[in-house]
Amino acid sequence: MGTTAISDHSAFWKQTISIDLDTGERLVLRSPQDALYALVSDWPVNGGVHQQRAIDFCRAWLAGRMPAETVRQAFILAALEAGVTINDDEDGAEAAVVNPPV
């Protein structure tokens, strides 16, 4: 299976996501673990469909059933849904090309 098993809890995203909260605070998220924390404790809008899906994806990742990059895409959708500003540290093209499986 190689060294990149999806159950590896030290797995970080290839590209971090930084978000701006209503408080003016900027969070830099490096992994599904960071995303789960943000979704549960710092999220401005609760009860969104994508928020719940992203939380489920984070938990599935923790259980070794979901690739980190899939969780990253789900998190971006949740951020868009909640109106959370995403600051892509790279070129920003990646965030615009999110096509989640329906």
N, C-alpha and C. Protein backbone atom coordinates (compact mmCIF):
# COMPACT_ATOMS: atom_id res chain seq x y z
N MET A 1 0.82 -1.20 0.00
CA MET A 1 0.00 0.00 0.00
C MET A 1 0.86 1.26 0.00
N GLY A 2 2.14 1.12 0.25
CA GLY A 2 3.02 2.28 0.21
C GLY A 2 3.01 3.06 1.52
N THR A 3 3.71 4.18 1.52
CA THR A 3 3.84 4.95 2.74
C THR A 3 2.73 5.99 2.90
N THR A 4 1.90 6.20 1.88
CA THR A 4 0.88 7.24 1.98
C THR A 4 -0.49 6.64 2.24
N ALA A 5 -0.61 5.87 3.29
CA ALA A 5 -1.91 5.33 3.67
C ALA A 5 -2.80 6.49 4.13
N ILE A 6 -4.09 6.43 3.77
CA ILE A 6 -4.95 7.55 4.12
C ILE A 6 -5.27 7.60 5.60
N SER A 7 -4.92 6.53 6.33
CA SER A 7 -5.18 6.55 7.77
C SER A 7 -4.03 7.20 8.54
N ASP A 8 -3.03 7.71 7.83
CA ASP A 8 -1.90 8.36 8.47
C ASP A 8 -2.34 9.69 9.06
N HIS A 9 -2.41 9.77 10.38
CA HIS A 9 -2.93 10.97 11.02
C HIS A 9 -1.98 12.15 11.01
N SER A 10 -0.77 11.93 10.51
CA SER A 10 0.12 13.08 10.39
C SER A 10 -0.05 13.71 9.01
N ALA A 11 -1.02 13.20 8.23
CA ALA A 11 -1.21 13.68 6.86
C ALA A 11 -1.63 15.14 6.86
N PHE A 12 -0.85 15.95 6.18
CA PHE A 12 -1.20 17.35 6.01
C PHE A 12 -1.60 17.57 4.56
N TRP A 13 -2.38 18.62 4.33
CA TRP A 13 -2.73 18.96 2.96
C TRP A 13 -1.52 19.45 2.22
N LYS A 14 -1.51 19.25 0.91
CA LYS A 14 -0.40 19.74 0.08
C LYS A 14 -0.35 21.25 0.12
N GLN A 15 -1.53 21.86 0.29
CA GLN A 15 -1.61 23.32 0.32
C GLN A 15 -2.49 23.72 1.49
N THR A 16 -1.99 24.62 2.32
CA THR A 16 -2.79 25.05 3.48
C THR A 16 -3.95 25.92 3.02
N ILE A 17 -4.93 26.07 3.89
CA ILE A 17 -6.04 26.99 3.63
C ILE A 17 -6.04 27.98 4.78
N SER A 18 -6.06 29.27 4.47
CA SER A 18 -6.23 30.23 5.56
C SER A 18 -7.58 30.91 5.38
N ILE A 19 -8.28 31.06 6.48
CA ILE A 19 -9.61 31.66 6.46
C ILE A 19 -9.66 32.84 7.41
N ASP A 20 -10.51 33.81 7.09
CA ASP A 20 -10.72 34.97 7.95
C ASP A 20 -12.04 34.79 8.69
N LEU A 21 -11.99 34.88 10.00
CA LEU A 21 -13.21 34.77 10.80
C LEU A 21 -13.82 36.15 11.02
N ASP A 22 -15.08 36.16 11.45
CA ASP A 22 -15.78 37.41 11.73
C ASP A 22 -15.04 38.24 12.78
N THR A 23 -14.31 37.55 13.64
CA THR A 23 -13.60 38.23 14.72
C THR A 23 -12.38 39.00 14.21
N GLY A 24 -12.07 38.82 12.91
CA GLY A 24 -10.88 39.46 12.36
C GLY A 24 -9.66 38.57 12.49
N GLU A 25 -9.86 37.42 13.10
CA GLU A 25 -8.77 36.48 13.30
C GLU A 25 -8.57 35.67 12.03
N ARG A 26 -7.32 35.35 11.71
CA ARG A 26 -7.04 34.50 10.55
C ARG A 26 -6.57 33.14 11.05
N LEU A 27 -7.21 32.09 10.55
CA LEU A 27 -6.80 30.73 10.90
C LEU A 27 -6.11 30.11 9.71
N VAL A 28 -4.98 29.45 9.96
CA VAL A 28 -4.30 28.70 8.90
C VAL A 28 -4.53 27.23 9.19
N LEU A 29 -5.18 26.56 8.25
CA LEU A 29 -5.54 25.15 8.43
C LEU A 29 -4.62 24.29 7.59
N ARG A 30 -3.97 23.34 8.25
CA ARG A 30 -2.97 22.52 7.57
C ARG A 30 -3.42 21.09 7.34
N SER A 31 -4.53 20.69 7.96
CA SER A 31 -4.94 19.29 7.91
C SER A 31 -6.42 19.16 8.22
N PRO A 32 -7.01 17.99 7.97
CA PRO A 32 -8.40 17.77 8.34
C PRO A 32 -8.64 17.97 9.84
N GLN A 33 -7.63 17.70 10.66
CA GLN A 33 -7.76 17.92 12.11
C GLN A 33 -8.02 19.40 12.40
N ASP A 34 -7.24 20.27 11.74
CA ASP A 34 -7.44 21.72 11.90
C ASP A 34 -8.82 22.13 11.41
N ALA A 35 -9.23 21.55 10.27
CA ALA A 35 -10.52 21.89 9.68
C ALA A 35 -11.66 21.51 10.62
N LEU A 36 -11.56 20.34 11.22
CA LEU A 36 -12.61 19.88 12.13
C LEU A 36 -12.75 20.85 13.31
N TYR A 37 -11.61 21.28 13.84
CA TYR A 37 -11.62 22.22 14.95
C TYR A 37 -12.33 23.52 14.54
N ALA A 38 -11.98 24.04 13.36
CA ALA A 38 -12.59 25.28 12.89
C ALA A 38 -14.09 25.11 12.66
N LEU A 39 -14.48 24.00 12.06
CA LEU A 39 -15.89 23.76 11.74
C LEU A 39 -16.75 23.64 12.99
N VAL A 40 -16.17 23.08 14.05
CA VAL A 40 -16.94 22.83 15.26
C VAL A 40 -16.92 24.03 16.21
N SER A 41 -15.76 24.69 16.33
CA SER A 41 -15.67 25.71 17.37
C SER A 41 -15.71 27.15 16.88
N ASP A 42 -15.28 27.41 15.65
CA ASP A 42 -15.15 28.79 15.20
C ASP A 42 -16.08 29.17 14.06
N TRP A 43 -16.95 28.27 13.65
CA TRP A 43 -17.75 28.51 12.44
C TRP A 43 -18.81 29.57 12.67
N PRO A 44 -18.95 30.56 11.76
CA PRO A 44 -19.90 31.65 11.97
C PRO A 44 -21.36 31.24 11.75
N VAL A 45 -21.60 30.26 10.88
CA VAL A 45 -22.97 29.86 10.56
C VAL A 45 -23.12 28.37 10.82
N ASN A 46 -23.97 28.00 11.76
CA ASN A 46 -24.14 26.58 12.06
C ASN A 46 -25.36 26.00 11.36
N GLY A 47 -25.30 24.72 11.05
CA GLY A 47 -26.45 24.04 10.47
C GLY A 47 -26.43 23.95 8.96
N GLY A 48 -25.34 24.40 8.34
CA GLY A 48 -25.25 24.31 6.89
C GLY A 48 -25.05 22.86 6.43
N VAL A 49 -25.58 22.56 5.25
CA VAL A 49 -25.45 21.21 4.69
C VAL A 49 -23.98 20.86 4.47
N HIS A 50 -23.24 21.80 3.87
CA HIS A 50 -21.82 21.54 3.59
C HIS A 50 -20.98 21.51 4.86
N GLN A 51 -21.38 22.31 5.86
CA GLN A 51 -20.67 22.27 7.14
C GLN A 51 -20.77 20.88 7.74
N GLN A 52 -21.98 20.33 7.78
CA GLN A 52 -22.18 19.00 8.37
C GLN A 52 -21.44 17.94 7.57
N ARG A 53 -21.49 18.07 6.25
CA ARG A 53 -20.80 17.11 5.38
C ARG A 53 -19.28 17.16 5.63
N ALA A 54 -18.75 18.38 5.75
CA ALA A 54 -17.32 18.53 5.99
C ALA A 54 -16.92 17.95 7.35
N ILE A 55 -17.78 18.14 8.36
CA ILE A 55 -17.51 17.56 9.67
C ILE A 55 -17.50 16.03 9.57
N ASP A 56 -18.49 15.49 8.85
CA ASP A 56 -18.53 14.04 8.65
C ASP A 56 -17.29 13.54 7.93
N PHE A 57 -16.85 14.29 6.93
CA PHE A 57 -15.65 13.91 6.16
C PHE A 57 -14.41 13.94 7.06
N CYS A 58 -14.32 14.96 7.91
CA CYS A 58 -13.18 15.05 8.84
C CYS A 58 -13.15 13.83 9.76
N ARG A 59 -14.32 13.45 10.27
CA ARG A 59 -14.39 12.30 11.16
C ARG A 59 -14.06 11.01 10.42
N ALA A 60 -14.51 10.92 9.16
CA ALA A 60 -14.18 9.75 8.35
C ALA A 60 -12.67 9.68 8.10
N TRP A 61 -12.05 10.85 7.91
CA TRP A 61 -10.60 10.89 7.73
C TRP A 61 -9.89 10.40 8.99
N LEU A 62 -10.38 10.84 10.16
CA LEU A 62 -9.79 10.40 11.42
C LEU A 62 -9.88 8.88 11.58
N ALA A 63 -10.95 8.30 11.03
CA ALA A 63 -11.15 6.86 11.12
C ALA A 63 -10.42 6.12 9.99
N GLY A 64 -9.72 6.88 9.14
CA GLY A 64 -8.95 6.25 8.08
C GLY A 64 -9.76 5.90 6.85
N ARG A 65 -10.93 6.53 6.70
CA ARG A 65 -11.80 6.16 5.57
C ARG A 65 -11.93 7.25 4.51
N MET A 66 -11.17 8.32 4.62
CA MET A 66 -11.34 9.43 3.69
C MET A 66 -10.00 10.08 3.40
N PRO A 67 -9.65 10.29 2.12
CA PRO A 67 -8.37 10.95 1.81
C PRO A 67 -8.40 12.42 2.25
N ALA A 68 -7.26 12.91 2.70
CA ALA A 68 -7.17 14.28 3.21
C ALA A 68 -7.59 15.31 2.18
N GLU A 69 -7.24 15.10 0.91
CA GLU A 69 -7.56 16.09 -0.11
C GLU A 69 -9.06 16.18 -0.37
N THR A 70 -9.78 15.06 -0.20
CA THR A 70 -11.24 15.07 -0.34
C THR A 70 -11.86 15.91 0.77
N VAL A 71 -11.30 15.77 1.97
CA VAL A 71 -11.77 16.56 3.11
C VAL A 71 -11.52 18.05 2.84
N ARG A 72 -10.38 18.34 2.24
CA ARG A 72 -10.02 19.73 1.94
C ARG A 72 -11.06 20.36 1.02
N GLN A 73 -11.47 19.63 0.00
CA GLN A 73 -12.48 20.15 -0.93
C GLN A 73 -13.82 20.36 -0.24
N ALA A 74 -14.20 19.41 0.62
CA ALA A 74 -15.46 19.54 1.36
C ALA A 74 -15.41 20.77 2.27
N PHE A 75 -14.24 21.02 2.86
CA PHE A 75 -14.09 22.18 3.74
C PHE A 75 -14.25 23.48 2.96
N ILE A 76 -13.66 23.54 1.76
CA ILE A 76 -13.76 24.74 0.93
C ILE A 76 -15.24 25.03 0.61
N LEU A 77 -15.99 23.98 0.28
CA LEU A 77 -17.42 24.15 0.00
C LEU A 77 -18.15 24.69 1.24
N ALA A 78 -17.80 24.16 2.40
CA ALA A 78 -18.44 24.61 3.64
C ALA A 78 -18.13 26.09 3.89
N ALA A 79 -16.89 26.49 3.59
CA ALA A 79 -16.50 27.89 3.77
C ALA A 79 -17.29 28.79 2.82
N LEU A 80 -17.43 28.36 1.57
CA LEU A 80 -18.20 29.14 0.60
C LEU A 80 -19.65 29.28 1.07
N GLU A 81 -20.20 28.17 1.57
CA GLU A 81 -21.59 28.16 2.05
C GLU A 81 -21.79 29.15 3.19
N ALA A 82 -20.81 29.22 4.09
CA ALA A 82 -20.94 30.07 5.28
C ALA A 82 -20.47 31.50 5.06
N GLY A 83 -19.96 31.77 3.86
CA GLY A 83 -19.46 33.11 3.59
C GLY A 83 -18.14 33.40 4.27
N VAL A 84 -17.40 32.34 4.58
CA VAL A 84 -16.09 32.50 5.21
C VAL A 84 -15.07 32.80 4.11
N THR A 85 -14.28 33.85 4.31
CA THR A 85 -13.29 34.24 3.31
C THR A 85 -12.11 33.30 3.33
N ILE A 86 -11.80 32.73 2.16
CA ILE A 86 -10.65 31.83 2.03
C ILE A 86 -9.51 32.61 1.37
N ASN A 87 -8.34 32.55 1.97
CA ASN A 87 -7.16 33.16 1.37
C ASN A 87 -6.24 32.06 0.91
N ASP A 88 -6.23 31.82 -0.37
CA ASP A 88 -5.33 30.80 -0.89
C ASP A 88 -3.92 31.38 -0.90
N ASP A 89 -3.03 30.68 -0.24
CA ASP A 89 -1.67 31.19 -0.14
C ASP A 89 -0.92 31.05 -1.47
N GLU A 90 -1.41 30.14 -2.33
CA GLU A 90 -0.76 29.95 -3.62
C GLU A 90 -1.45 30.81 -4.67
N ASP A 91 -1.70 30.24 -5.83
CA ASP A 91 -2.26 31.03 -6.93
C ASP A 91 -3.79 31.16 -6.88
N GLY A 92 -4.43 30.36 -6.03
CA GLY A 92 -5.87 30.49 -5.89
C GLY A 92 -6.66 29.74 -6.93
N ALA A 93 -5.99 29.15 -7.91
CA ALA A 93 -6.72 28.45 -8.98
C ALA A 93 -7.40 27.20 -8.44
N GLU A 94 -6.77 26.56 -7.47
CA GLU A 94 -7.28 25.28 -6.97
C GLU A 94 -8.67 25.43 -6.36
N ALA A 95 -8.89 26.49 -5.61
CA ALA A 95 -10.16 26.67 -4.92
C ALA A 95 -11.30 26.91 -5.92
N ALA A 96 -10.97 27.40 -7.09
CA ALA A 96 -12.00 27.72 -8.07
C ALA A 96 -12.42 26.48 -8.87
N VAL A 97 -11.67 25.42 -8.77
CA VAL A 97 -11.94 24.26 -9.61
C VAL A 97 -12.45 23.08 -8.79
N VAL A 98 -13.27 23.38 -7.80
CA VAL A 98 -13.78 22.32 -6.95
C VAL A 98 -15.04 21.73 -7.56
N ASN A 99 -15.00 20.45 -7.91
CA ASN A 99 -16.18 19.75 -8.41
C ASN A 99 -16.44 18.55 -7.54
N PRO A 100 -17.26 18.72 -6.50
CA PRO A 100 -17.48 17.60 -5.59
C PRO A 100 -18.37 16.54 -6.22
N PRO A 101 -18.19 15.29 -5.84
CA PRO A 101 -19.12 14.26 -6.30
C PRO A 101 -20.48 14.54 -5.68
N VAL A 102 -21.51 14.43 -6.47
CA VAL A 102 -22.86 14.75 -5.96
C VAL A 102 -23.50 13.53 -5.35
